[in-house]
Amino acid sequence: MLSLKNIEIKYQENAVIENLSLDFNEQETTVIVGPSGAGKSTLLRTLNLLNFPSQGEIKFGDYHLAFPKKYPKKMLNE
């Protein structure tokens, strides 16, 4: 399972995503819809760790990432 808790993503002082908590279960399909500028692409980039949240937690299997802590690139690549 992939779990997001209290994710916040900001660019400069503009909050793109605020206080987002979601669970993505195995064997399920999730669709992300919304108007232009709603943060869909930002969310997907965050799930791939191309963007890093300003705050919040990402849990995936045995991995638990709490932000804004910095992580070594080698660990993130795993």
Foldseek 3Di string as FASTA:
>chain_A
DKWWAQFWADDPNRILDGGDTDDDDPPDDDDDDDDPSNCPVVVVCVVLVVGDTQFTWIDDVPDIDTPPDDDDPVVSVD
